[in-house]
Protein backbone atom coordinates (compact mmCIF):
# COMPACT_ATOMS: atom_id res chain seq x y z
CA UNK A 1 9.04 -6.87 9.20
CA UNK A 2 8.05 -3.10 9.53
CA UNK A 3 7.17 -1.73 12.88
CA UNK A 4 3.53 -1.54 13.40
CA UNK A 5 2.60 2.07 14.32
CA UNK A 6 -0.65 3.10 16.29
CA UNK A 7 -2.94 5.92 15.22
CA UNK A 8 -4.51 7.43 12.12
CA UNK A 9 -2.37 8.00 8.98
CA UNK A 10 -1.34 11.61 8.24
CA UNK A 11 -2.77 11.40 4.68
CA UNK A 12 -6.44 10.63 6.13
CA UNK A 13 -6.26 13.34 8.64
CA UNK A 14 -6.99 16.81 7.17
CA UNK A 15 -5.93 18.66 10.53
CA UNK A 16 -2.49 17.42 10.05
CA UNK A 17 -2.32 18.19 6.30
CA UNK A 18 -3.58 21.66 6.83
CA UNK A 19 -0.34 22.26 9.00
CA UNK A 20 1.84 22.01 5.79
CA UNK A 21 2.50 19.96 2.90
CA UNK A 22 6.25 20.15 2.72
CA UNK A 23 8.20 22.86 0.67
CA UNK A 24 9.72 20.49 -2.14
CA UNK A 25 9.12 21.24 -5.67
CA UNK A 26 12.09 19.45 -7.46
CA UNK A 27 15.09 17.20 -6.99
CA UNK A 28 18.48 16.76 -8.18
CA UNK A 29 19.81 13.25 -8.93
CA UNK A 30 23.44 12.60 -9.37
CA UNK A 31 24.35 8.94 -10.64
CA UNK A 32 27.76 7.77 -10.64
CA UNK A 33 29.65 4.48 -11.45
CA UNK A 34 31.94 2.82 -8.81
CA UNK A 35 35.41 4.28 -8.30
CA UNK A 36 37.77 3.04 -11.06
CA UNK A 37 40.58 3.01 -8.25
CA UNK A 38 38.45 1.33 -5.67
CA UNK A 39 38.15 4.31 -3.47
CA UNK A 40 34.60 4.30 -2.88
CA UNK A 41 34.68 4.39 0.75
CA UNK A 42 36.87 7.60 0.67
CA UNK A 43 34.46 9.20 -1.66
CA UNK A 44 31.44 8.24 0.58
CA UNK A 45 33.22 9.54 3.46
CA UNK A 46 34.18 12.85 1.91
CA UNK A 47 30.54 13.40 0.64
CA UNK A 48 28.85 12.64 4.14
CA UNK A 49 31.35 14.53 6.25
CA UNK A 50 32.01 17.46 4.18
CA UNK A 51 30.07 17.99 1.01
CA UNK A 52 26.56 17.02 1.93
CA UNK A 53 26.42 18.98 5.33
CA UNK A 54 27.53 22.06 3.60
CA UNK A 55 24.60 21.96 1.27
CA UNK A 56 22.40 23.00 4.21
CA UNK A 57 23.83 26.58 4.18
CA UNK A 58 21.52 27.00 1.11
CA UNK A 59 18.04 27.76 2.35
CA UNK A 60 16.50 25.95 -0.78
CA UNK A 61 18.14 22.49 -0.20
CA UNK A 62 15.64 20.85 2.05
CA UNK A 63 17.08 17.34 2.13
CA UNK A 64 20.33 15.38 0.87
CA UNK A 65 20.95 11.66 0.83
CA UNK A 66 23.03 9.14 -1.07
CA UNK A 67 22.50 5.56 -1.90
CA UNK A 68 24.71 2.71 -3.11
CA UNK A 69 24.20 -0.37 -5.09
CA UNK A 70 26.05 -3.40 -3.55
CA UNK A 71 26.48 -6.85 -5.25
CA UNK A 72 23.33 -7.81 -3.38
CA UNK A 73 21.39 -4.82 -4.73
CA UNK A 74 22.54 -5.58 -8.28
CA UNK A 75 21.33 -9.09 -7.97
CA UNK A 76 17.92 -7.94 -7.00
CA UNK A 77 17.51 -5.48 -10.00
CA UNK A 78 14.36 -5.98 -12.22
CA UNK A 79 16.52 -4.80 -15.13
CA UNK A 80 19.88 -6.20 -16.20
CA UNK A 81 21.79 -4.33 -18.71
CA UNK A 82 19.73 -1.05 -19.08
CA UNK A 83 21.36 2.35 -20.23
CA UNK A 84 22.10 3.12 -16.67
CA UNK A 85 23.07 -0.17 -15.60
CA UNK A 86 26.64 1.04 -14.54
CA UNK A 87 25.24 3.25 -11.93
CA UNK A 88 26.41 2.36 -8.40
CA UNK A 89 26.16 5.71 -6.42
CA UNK A 90 23.12 7.92 -6.48
CA UNK A 91 22.96 11.43 -4.79
CA UNK A 92 19.44 12.82 -4.30
CA UNK A 93 18.85 16.57 -3.22
CA UNK A 94 15.44 17.98 -2.67
CA UNK A 95 14.86 21.52 -3.73
CA UNK A 96 12.30 24.22 -2.41
CA UNK A 97 10.56 26.44 -4.82
CA UNK A 98 11.37 28.74 -6.59
CA UNK A 99 13.74 26.11 -8.12
CA UNK A 100 15.99 28.41 -9.88
CA UNK A 101 16.59 30.77 -7.11
CA UNK A 102 17.31 27.79 -4.71
CA UNK A 103 19.95 26.29 -7.09
CA UNK A 104 21.79 29.48 -7.84
CA UNK A 105 23.53 29.48 -4.50
CA UNK A 106 24.21 25.93 -4.47
CA UNK A 107 26.14 26.32 -7.42
CA UNK A 108 27.97 29.18 -5.76
CA UNK A 109 28.87 27.08 -2.90
CA UNK A 110 30.38 24.55 -5.05
CA UNK A 111 32.73 26.99 -6.65
CA UNK A 112 33.74 28.29 -3.24
CA UNK A 113 34.30 24.87 -1.89
CA UNK A 114 36.53 24.11 -4.82
CA UNK A 115 38.41 27.29 -4.54
CA UNK A 116 39.73 26.12 -1.16
CA UNK A 117 40.46 22.41 -2.14
CA UNK A 118 37.29 20.92 -1.03
CA UNK A 119 36.18 19.15 -4.23
CA UNK A 120 38.89 16.36 -4.44
CA UNK A 121 39.55 14.01 -7.32
CA UNK A 122 38.12 11.00 -5.56
CA UNK A 123 34.75 11.36 -7.00
CA UNK A 124 33.85 8.51 -9.44
CA UNK A 125 32.72 9.49 -12.92
CA UNK A 126 29.18 10.59 -13.10
CA UNK A 127 26.93 9.12 -15.88
CA UNK A 128 23.96 11.30 -15.27
CA UNK A 129 23.01 14.59 -13.34
CA UNK A 130 19.49 15.63 -13.70
CA UNK A 131 16.86 18.05 -12.21
CA UNK A 132 13.58 16.64 -11.97
CA UNK A 133 10.09 18.16 -11.00
CA UNK A 134 8.26 16.46 -8.09
CA UNK A 135 4.95 15.33 -9.69
CA UNK A 136 3.47 12.74 -7.20
CA UNK A 137 3.85 11.25 -3.89
CA UNK A 138 2.04 8.47 -2.10
CA UNK A 139 2.53 6.72 1.24
CA UNK A 140 1.07 3.41 2.29
CA UNK A 141 -1.50 3.94 5.43
CA UNK A 142 0.20 1.41 7.53
CA UNK A 143 3.31 3.84 7.30
CA UNK A 144 1.14 6.32 9.40
CA UNK A 145 3.54 9.12 8.61
CA UNK A 146 2.39 10.92 5.32
CA UNK A 147 3.71 11.02 1.78
CA UNK A 148 4.82 14.69 2.24
CA UNK A 149 7.44 13.47 4.85
CA UNK A 150 8.51 10.19 3.37
CA UNK A 151 12.05 11.07 2.44
CA UNK A 152 12.75 11.94 6.02
CA UNK A 153 11.26 8.68 7.39
CA UNK A 154 14.17 6.21 7.89
CA UNK A 155 14.24 3.59 5.12
CA UNK A 156 16.10 0.25 5.05
CA UNK A 157 16.61 0.78 1.30
CA UNK A 158 15.22 2.61 -1.67
CA UNK A 159 14.01 1.07 -5.00
CA UNK A 160 14.97 3.40 -7.76
CA UNK A 161 13.10 3.30 -11.11
CA UNK A 162 14.28 5.32 -14.11
CA UNK A 163 12.12 5.22 -17.23
CA UNK A 164 12.20 6.86 -20.77
CA UNK A 165 8.75 7.66 -22.07
CA UNK A 166 8.36 7.04 -25.83
CA UNK A 167 7.81 10.23 -27.95
CA UNK A 168 8.18 12.30 -24.80
CA UNK A 169 4.48 11.52 -23.90
CA UNK A 170 3.09 12.16 -20.54
CA UNK A 171 2.76 8.78 -18.58
CA UNK A 172 -0.95 8.20 -18.07
CA UNK A 173 -0.10 5.01 -16.02
CA UNK A 174 1.30 6.82 -13.03
CA UNK A 175 -1.17 4.82 -10.92
CA UNK A 176 0.72 1.79 -11.48
CA UNK A 177 3.83 3.34 -9.83
CA UNK A 178 1.77 4.82 -6.76
CA UNK A 179 0.16 1.47 -6.35
CA UNK A 180 3.51 -0.09 -5.34
CA UNK A 181 2.66 1.15 -1.86
CA UNK A 182 0.14 -1.72 -1.50
CA UNK A 183 3.27 -4.14 -1.42
CA UNK A 184 4.09 -4.75 2.29
CA UNK A 185 7.61 -3.67 2.05
CA UNK A 186 6.96 -0.19 0.13
CA UNK A 187 6.50 2.67 2.65
CA UNK A 188 6.00 5.35 0.19
CA UNK A 189 6.64 6.43 -3.37
CA UNK A 190 7.86 9.73 -4.71
CA UNK A 191 7.72 10.45 -8.58
CA UNK A 192 9.58 12.89 -10.67
CA UNK A 193 9.50 14.04 -14.28
CA UNK A 194 12.18 15.85 -16.27
CA UNK A 195 11.84 19.00 -18.48
CA UNK A 196 12.85 21.71 -15.94
CA UNK A 197 15.98 23.12 -18.01
CA UNK A 198 14.33 26.56 -18.09
CA UNK A 199 14.71 26.65 -14.16
CA UNK A 200 18.15 25.20 -14.18
CA UNK A 201 21.10 27.70 -13.81
CA UNK A 202 23.68 25.11 -14.11
CA UNK A 203 22.07 23.59 -17.45
CA UNK A 204 21.85 20.32 -15.64
CA UNK A 205 20.50 17.60 -17.91
CA UNK A 206 16.72 17.43 -17.53
CA UNK A 207 15.30 15.37 -20.39
CA UNK A 208 11.59 15.73 -20.76
CA UNK A 209 11.07 12.22 -21.57
CA UNK A 210 12.64 10.74 -18.44
CA UNK A 211 11.00 10.14 -15.20
CA UNK A 212 12.33 8.85 -11.82
CA UNK A 213 10.45 7.03 -9.27
CA UNK A 214 11.82 6.56 -5.64
CA UNK A 215 10.05 3.84 -3.37
CA UNK A 216 11.08 3.88 0.15
CA UNK A 217 11.41 0.56 1.65
CA UNK A 218 10.91 -0.55 5.31
CA UNK A 219 11.16 -4.16 5.05
CA UNK A 220 13.61 -6.75 3.69
CA UNK A 221 15.22 -5.35 0.60
CA UNK A 222 15.58 -8.56 -1.36
CA UNK A 223 12.03 -9.69 -0.65
CA UNK A 224 10.36 -6.42 -1.53
CA UNK A 225 12.51 -6.09 -4.53
CA UNK A 226 11.43 -9.66 -5.84
CA UNK A 227 7.62 -8.42 -5.19
CA UNK A 228 8.42 -5.23 -7.17
CA UNK A 229 10.05 -6.76 -10.13
CA UNK A 230 7.09 -8.63 -11.93
CA UNK A 231 4.94 -5.53 -11.47
CA UNK A 232 7.46 -3.42 -13.30
CA UNK A 233 8.03 -5.99 -16.14
CA UNK A 234 4.38 -6.13 -16.66
CA UNK A 235 4.29 -2.31 -16.80
CA UNK A 236 7.08 -2.34 -19.55
CA UNK A 237 5.72 -5.03 -21.73
CA UNK A 238 4.49 -3.43 -24.96
CA UNK A 239 3.96 -0.19 -23.21
CA UNK A 240 6.06 2.47 -24.93
CA UNK A 241 8.06 2.78 -21.65
CA UNK A 242 11.83 2.03 -21.93
CA UNK A 243 13.26 1.15 -18.60
CA UNK A 244 16.85 2.66 -18.01
CA UNK A 245 17.37 1.43 -14.43
CA UNK A 246 15.22 -0.44 -11.74
CA UNK A 247 16.72 -1.86 -8.58
CA UNK A 248 17.31 -1.30 -4.93
CA UNK A 249 19.94 0.91 -3.24
CA UNK A 250 21.10 1.02 0.36
CA UNK A 251 21.64 4.06 2.40
CA UNK A 252 24.83 4.79 3.82
CA UNK A 253 25.68 3.80 7.36
CA UNK A 254 27.53 6.76 9.16
CA UNK A 255 31.01 6.16 10.36
CA UNK A 256 30.85 2.60 8.69
CA UNK A 257 31.98 4.06 5.21
CA UNK A 258 32.99 0.66 3.89
CA UNK A 259 30.07 -1.28 5.04
CA UNK A 260 27.91 -1.00 1.82
CA UNK A 261 30.15 -0.70 -1.27
CA UNK A 262 29.72 -1.66 -4.99
CA UNK A 263 32.47 -4.26 -4.75
């Protein structure tokens, strides 16, 4: 069970909100398959000890985290066999505005790291790298901490939802996703939309008809996933929304690189 915290929720306290809403405008999502040689732990170790902390040299990178899909995570997915079914690793970077100016030095950093042998070949093949605009954020009142800071609140897991909208239409049913915070294990929801190619110096794929939702979980992953799944399946039924990926992912446990692995 989630910890019961005292006091009034931030999102219901104007004096707290007036102090700042958080400088995040977009996010980069990198999605990879498991290592073909079984070196997932070595990849995770490199990323957490070397590559990810270096990103904070760049002022526009506000947060970085990675998640992994274990066999239990795969079993708990609401969607089996979707277009992104092979994804086992997800990297998420939060980017401050202006987005283009924030990402340009990040690209320069990657080149500099590669020049000194800091971009090893152990990285698993990527399926998708995309830049997405932050379009919505919601927190459960019981979480107390506000929606603006939800990515920095410790999560037991995240539930990742990737959907493609028919005919590149705007999703007028976003409230269904925000309402996931009414489930006991969902502390908060951040929603992202594609279409940021004009602000993307690396030409990272940013399809306008794809949206990504991250649910931050603070209770049992399996039980919460079981509660989320039927709500999503009802959303997808005859809706013009094609699900590409929907399931839980676990955060990395520092210094226990082989604790949460795809296999």
